[in-house]
PDB file of N, CA and C in Angstrom:
ATOM      1  N   UNK A   1     -91.768  44.485 117.387  1.00  0.00           N
ATOM      2  CA  UNK A   1     -92.913  44.263 116.509  1.00  0.00           C
ATOM      3  C   UNK A   1     -93.608  42.966 116.911  1.00  0.00           C
ATOM      4  N   UNK A   2     -94.912  42.950 116.827  1.00  0.00           N
ATOM      5  CA  UNK A   2     -95.702  41.776 117.193  1.00  0.00           C
ATOM      6  C   UNK A   2     -95.456  40.629 116.217  1.00  0.00           C
ATOM      7  N   UNK A   3     -95.675  39.438 116.715  1.00  0.00           N
ATOM      8  CA  UNK A   3     -95.526  38.249 115.882  1.00  0.00           C
ATOM      9  C   UNK A   3     -96.834  37.464 115.921  1.00  0.00           C
ATOM     10  N   UNK A   4     -97.101  36.738 114.848  1.00  0.00           N
ATOM     11  CA  UNK A   4     -98.324  35.956 114.731  1.00  0.00           C
ATOM     12  C   UNK A   4     -97.987  34.473 114.622  1.00  0.00           C
ATOM     13  N   UNK A   5     -98.655  33.668 115.420  1.00  0.00           N
ATOM     14  CA  UNK A   5     -98.515  32.214 115.335  1.00  0.00           C
ATOM     15  C   UNK A   5     -99.683  31.708 114.499  1.00  0.00           C
ATOM     16  N   UNK A   6     -99.378  31.100 113.364  1.00  0.00           N
ATOM     17  CA  UNK A   6    -100.407  30.648 112.424  1.00  0.00           C
ATOM     18  C   UNK A   6    -100.391  29.123 112.385  1.00  0.00           C
ATOM     19  N   UNK A   7    -101.544  28.511 112.627  1.00  0.00           N
ATOM     20  CA  UNK A   7    -101.676  27.057 112.628  1.00  0.00           C
ATOM     21  C   UNK A   7    -102.678  26.659 111.555  1.00  0.00           C
ATOM     22  N   UNK A   8    -102.291  25.722 110.687  1.00  0.00           N
ATOM     23  CA  UNK A   8    -103.211  25.235 109.654  1.00  0.00           C
ATOM     24  C   UNK A   8    -104.138  24.200 110.275  1.00  0.00           C
ATOM     25  N   UNK A   9    -105.444  24.414 110.147  1.00  0.00           N
ATOM     26  CA  UNK A   9    -106.439  23.521 110.743  1.00  0.00           C
ATOM     27  C   UNK A   9    -107.149  22.647 109.717  1.00  0.00           C
ATOM     28  N   UNK A  10    -107.245  23.132 108.483  1.00  0.00           N
ATOM     29  CA  UNK A  10    -107.974  22.395 107.450  1.00  0.00           C
ATOM     30  C   UNK A  10    -107.111  22.229 106.214  1.00  0.00           C
ATOM     31  N   UNK A  11    -107.434  21.245 105.402  1.00  0.00           N
ATOM     32  CA  UNK A  11    -106.658  20.922 104.210  1.00  0.00           C
ATOM     33  C   UNK A  11    -106.890  21.926 103.094  1.00  0.00           C
ATOM     34  N   UNK A  12    -105.914  22.003 102.194  1.00  0.00           N
ATOM     35  CA  UNK A  12    -106.051  22.876 101.028  1.00  0.00           C
ATOM     36  C   UNK A  12    -106.571  22.121  99.804  1.00  0.00           C
ATOM     37  N   UNK A  13    -106.894  20.850  99.964  1.00  0.00           N
ATOM     38  CA  UNK A  13    -107.401  20.062  98.845  1.00  0.00           C
ATOM     39  C   UNK A  13    -108.752  20.628  98.405  1.00  0.00           C
ATOM     40  N   UNK A  14    -108.913  20.876  97.110  1.00  0.00           N
ATOM     41  CA  UNK A  14    -110.159  21.382  96.559  1.00  0.00           C
ATOM     42  C   UNK A  14    -110.336  22.880  96.704  1.00  0.00           C
ATOM     43  N   UNK A  15    -109.319  23.578  97.197  1.00  0.00           N
ATOM     44  CA  UNK A  15    -109.411  25.037  97.369  1.00  0.00           C
ATOM     45  C   UNK A  15    -108.920  25.738  96.115  1.00  0.00           C
ATOM     46  N   UNK A  16    -109.219  27.016  96.020  1.00  0.00           N
ATOM     47  CA  UNK A  16    -108.767  27.806  94.882  1.00  0.00           C
ATOM     48  C   UNK A  16    -107.249  27.941  94.904  1.00  0.00           C
ATOM     49  N   UNK A  17    -106.697  28.201  93.730  1.00  0.00           N
ATOM     50  CA  UNK A  17    -105.248  28.267  93.594  1.00  0.00           C
ATOM     51  C   UNK A  17    -104.621  29.345  94.480  1.00  0.00           C
ATOM     52  N   UNK A  18    -105.269  30.520  94.568  1.00  0.00           N
ATOM     53  CA  UNK A  18    -104.688  31.594  95.380  1.00  0.00           C
ATOM     54  C   UNK A  18    -104.646  31.212  96.858  1.00  0.00           C
ATOM     55  N   UNK A  19    -105.602  30.410  97.317  1.00  0.00           N
ATOM     56  CA  UNK A  19    -105.593  29.970  98.707  1.00  0.00           C
ATOM     57  C   UNK A  19    -104.483  28.962  98.952  1.00  0.00           C
ATOM     58  N   UNK A  20    -104.288  28.026  98.026  1.00  0.00           N
ATOM     59  CA  UNK A  20    -103.200  27.058  98.158  1.00  0.00           C
ATOM     60  C   UNK A  20    -101.850  27.758  98.149  1.00  0.00           C
ATOM     61  N   UNK A  21    -101.699  28.753  97.271  1.00  0.00           N
ATOM     62  CA  UNK A  21    -100.442  29.485  97.187  1.00  0.00           C
ATOM     63  C   UNK A  21    -100.202  30.337  98.428  1.00  0.00           C
ATOM     64  N   UNK A  22    -101.251  30.884  99.011  1.00  0.00           N
ATOM     65  CA  UNK A  22    -101.101  31.658 100.241  1.00  0.00           C
ATOM     66  C   UNK A  22    -100.618  30.772 101.382  1.00  0.00           C
ATOM     67  N   UNK A  23    -101.164  29.556 101.482  1.00  0.00           N
ATOM     68  CA  UNK A  23    -100.709  28.632 102.520  1.00  0.00           C
ATOM     69  C   UNK A  23     -99.236  28.295 102.324  1.00  0.00           C
ATOM     70  N   UNK A  24     -98.831  28.035 101.089  1.00  0.00           N
ATOM     71  CA  UNK A  24     -97.427  27.707 100.805  1.00  0.00           C
ATOM     72  C   UNK A  24     -96.518  28.890 101.108  1.00  0.00           C
ATOM     73  N   UNK A  25     -96.961  30.086 100.767  1.00  0.00           N
ATOM     74  CA  UNK A  25     -96.157  31.276 101.026  1.00  0.00           C
ATOM     75  C   UNK A  25     -95.993  31.526 102.524  1.00  0.00           C
ATOM     76  N   UNK A  26     -96.993  31.144 103.293  1.00  0.00           N
ATOM     77  CA  UNK A  26     -96.896  31.268 104.744  1.00  0.00           C
ATOM     78  C   UNK A  26     -95.994  30.186 105.336  1.00  0.00           C
ATOM     79  N   UNK A  27     -95.711  29.144 104.555  1.00  0.00           N
ATOM     80  CA  UNK A  27     -94.856  28.058 105.043  1.00  0.00           C
ATOM     81  C   UNK A  27     -95.637  26.892 105.610  1.00  0.00           C
ATOM     82  N   UNK A  28     -96.937  26.834 105.313  1.00  0.00           N
ATOM     83  CA  UNK A  28     -97.789  25.755 105.817  1.00  0.00           C
ATOM     84  C   UNK A  28     -97.951  24.690 104.746  1.00  0.00           C
ATOM     85  N   UNK A  29     -97.677  23.436 105.106  1.00  0.00           N
ATOM     86  CA  UNK A  29     -97.732  22.354 104.128  1.00  0.00           C
ATOM     87  C   UNK A  29     -98.775  21.301 104.456  1.00  0.00           C
ATOM     88  N   UNK A  30     -99.061  21.129 105.754  1.00  0.00           N
ATOM     89  CA  UNK A  30    -100.013  20.085 106.139  1.00  0.00           C
ATOM     90  C   UNK A  30    -100.792  20.527 107.376  1.00  0.00           C
ATOM     91  N   UNK A  31    -101.841  19.794 107.683  1.00  0.00           N
ATOM     92  CA  UNK A  31    -102.669  20.108 108.836  1.00  0.00           C
ATOM     93  C   UNK A  31    -101.818  20.040 110.109  1.00  0.00           C
ATOM     94  N   UNK A  32    -102.049  20.972 111.015  1.00  0.00           N
ATOM     95  CA  UNK A  32    -101.342  21.123 112.290  1.00  0.00           C
ATOM     96  C   UNK A  32     -99.938  21.691 112.147  1.00  0.00           C
ATOM     97  N   UNK A  33     -99.533  22.128 110.967  1.00  0.00           N
ATOM     98  CA  UNK A  33     -98.277  22.859 110.818  1.00  0.00           C
ATOM     99  C   UNK A  33     -98.414  24.210 111.507  1.00  0.00           C
ATOM    100  N   UNK A  34     -97.338  24.666 112.134  1.00  0.00           N
ATOM    101  CA  UNK A  34     -97.343  25.947 112.840  1.00  0.00           C
ATOM    102  C   UNK A  34     -96.152  26.768 112.368  1.00  0.00           C
ATOM    103  N   UNK A  35     -96.397  28.044 112.064  1.00  0.00           N
ATOM    104  CA  UNK A  35     -95.328  28.976 111.726  1.00  0.00           C
ATOM    105  C   UNK A  35     -95.535  30.256 112.533  1.00  0.00           C
ATOM    106  N   UNK A  36     -94.435  30.949 112.797  1.00  0.00           N
ATOM    107  CA  UNK A  36     -94.494  32.236 113.482  1.00  0.00           C
ATOM    108  C   UNK A  36     -93.967  33.279 112.507  1.00  0.00           C
ATOM    109  N   UNK A  37     -94.783  34.278 112.233  1.00  0.00           N
ATOM    110  CA  UNK A  37     -94.448  35.311 111.250  1.00  0.00           C
ATOM    111  C   UNK A  37     -94.556  36.690 111.877  1.00  0.00           C
ATOM    112  N   UNK A  38     -93.818  37.632 111.302  1.00  0.00           N
ATOM    113  CA  UNK A  38     -93.931  39.035 111.708  1.00  0.00           C
ATOM    114  C   UNK A  38     -95.317  39.547 111.328  1.00  0.00           C
ATOM    115  N   UNK A  39     -95.852  40.436 112.135  1.00  0.00           N
ATOM    116  CA  UNK A  39     -97.169  41.020 111.859  1.00  0.00           C
ATOM    117  C   UNK A  39     -96.984  42.182 110.888  1.00  0.00           C
ATOM    118  N   UNK A  40     -97.096  41.878 109.590  1.00  0.00           N
ATOM    119  CA  UNK A  40     -96.952  42.878 108.533  1.00  0.00           C
ATOM    120  C   UNK A  40     -98.184  42.818 107.644  1.00  0.00           C
ATOM    121  N   UNK A  41     -98.443  43.892 106.892  1.00  0.00           N
ATOM    122  CA  UNK A  41     -99.635  43.910 106.027  1.00  0.00           C
ATOM    123  C   UNK A  41     -99.656  42.775 105.001  1.00  0.00           C
ATOM    124  N   UNK A  42     -98.489  42.395 104.466  1.00  0.00           N
ATOM    125  CA  UNK A  42     -98.447  41.320 103.470  1.00  0.00           C
ATOM    126  C   UNK A  42     -98.873  39.993 104.088  1.00  0.00           C
ATOM    127  N   UNK A  43     -98.395  39.741 105.295  1.00  0.00           N
ATOM    128  CA  UNK A  43     -98.741  38.505 105.990  1.00  0.00           C
ATOM    129  C   UNK A  43    -100.214  38.511 106.367  1.00  0.00           C
ATOM    130  N   UNK A  44    -100.712  39.651 106.832  1.00  0.00           N
ATOM    131  CA  UNK A  44    -102.138  39.773 107.178  1.00  0.00           C
ATOM    132  C   UNK A  44    -103.022  39.489 105.963  1.00  0.00           C
ATOM    133  N   UNK A  45    -102.607  39.945 104.789  1.00  0.00           N
ATOM    134  CA  UNK A  45    -103.373  39.704 103.567  1.00  0.00           C
ATOM    135  C   UNK A  45    -103.442  38.230 103.217  1.00  0.00           C
ATOM    136  N   UNK A  46    -102.307  37.528 103.351  1.00  0.00           N
ATOM    137  CA  UNK A  46    -102.294  36.088 103.078  1.00  0.00           C
ATOM    138  C   UNK A  46    -103.166  35.343 104.090  1.00  0.00           C
ATOM    139  N   UNK A  47    -103.100  35.763 105.349  1.00  0.00           N
ATOM    140  CA  UNK A  47    -103.925  35.120 106.383  1.00  0.00           C
ATOM    141  C   UNK A  47    -105.399  35.371 106.107  1.00  0.00           C
ATOM    142  N   UNK A  48    -105.746  36.579 105.674  1.00  0.00           N
ATOM    143  CA  UNK A  48    -107.143  36.889 105.369  1.00  0.00           C
ATOM    144  C   UNK A  48    -107.677  35.985 104.250  1.00  0.00           C
ATOM    145  N   UNK A  49    -106.825  35.687 103.256  1.00  0.00           N
ATOM    146  CA  UNK A  49    -107.251  34.852 102.126  1.00  0.00           C
ATOM    147  C   UNK A  49    -107.567  33.424 102.565  1.00  0.00           C
ATOM    148  N   UNK A  50    -106.939  32.961 103.639  1.00  0.00           N
ATOM    149  CA  UNK A  50    -107.131  31.581 104.088  1.00  0.00           C
ATOM    150  C   UNK A  50    -107.638  31.535 105.535  1.00  0.00           C
ATOM    151  N   UNK A  51    -108.330  32.562 105.966  1.00  0.00           N
ATOM    152  CA  UNK A  51    -108.766  32.661 107.370  1.00  0.00           C
ATOM    153  C   UNK A  51    -109.660  31.496 107.795  1.00  0.00           C
ATOM    154  N   UNK A  52    -110.355  30.868 106.854  1.00  0.00           N
ATOM    155  CA  UNK A  52    -111.225  29.742 107.176  1.00  0.00           C
ATOM    156  C   UNK A  52    -110.444  28.427 107.304  1.00  0.00           C
ATOM    157  N   UNK A  53    -109.155  28.450 106.982  1.00  0.00           N
ATOM    158  CA  UNK A  53    -108.325  27.245 107.036  1.00  0.00           C
ATOM    159  C   UNK A  53    -107.302  27.286 108.175  1.00  0.00           C
ATOM    160  N   UNK A  54    -107.122  28.441 108.788  1.00  0.00           N
ATOM    161  CA  UNK A  54    -106.062  28.597 109.790  1.00  0.00           C
ATOM    162  C   UNK A  54    -106.579  29.212 111.085  1.00  0.00           C
ATOM    163  N   UNK A  55    -105.764  29.085 112.123  1.00  0.00           N
ATOM    164  CA  UNK A  55    -106.013  29.747 113.413  1.00  0.00           C
ATOM    165  C   UNK A  55    -104.829  30.668 113.660  1.00  0.00           C
ATOM    166  N   UNK A  56    -105.096  31.900 114.116  1.00  0.00           N
ATOM    167  CA  UNK A  56    -104.049  32.897 114.322  1.00  0.00           C
ATOM    168  C   UNK A  56    -104.047  33.341 115.774  1.00  0.00           C
ATOM    169  N   UNK A  57    -102.848  33.393 116.357  1.00  0.00           N
ATOM    170  CA  UNK A  57    -102.685  33.882 117.727  1.00  0.00           C
ATOM    171  C   UNK A  57    -101.518  34.850 117.740  1.00  0.00           C
ATOM    172  N   UNK A  58    -101.592  35.862 118.613  1.00  0.00           N
ATOM    173  CA  UNK A  58    -100.471  36.790 118.787  1.00  0.00           C
ATOM    174  C   UNK A  58     -99.537  36.230 119.833  1.00  0.00           C
ATOM    175  N   UNK A  59     -98.234  36.310 119.555  1.00  0.00           N
ATOM    176  CA  UNK A  59     -97.218  35.899 120.526  1.00  0.00           C
ATOM    177  C   UNK A  59     -96.236  37.046 120.697  1.00  0.00           C
ATOM    178  N   UNK A  60     -95.532  37.044 121.801  1.00  0.00           N
ATOM    179  CA  UNK A  60     -94.584  38.132 122.065  1.00  0.00           C
ATOM    180  C   UNK A  60     -93.241  37.871 121.446  1.00  0.00           C
TER     181      UNK A  60
END
């Protein structure tokens, strides 16, 4: 199964609660944090909610 490398590029300060919670659920706490997650619909949904705050790359 494919994996996604998610990097937080912008702060969650002043964002809506669901966006802050999505970042926390992804495991991102601060700018330049990087996590690798399985490519699943739940993860894609969280990434979509914060797509303007993160960068996503596919890794093997």
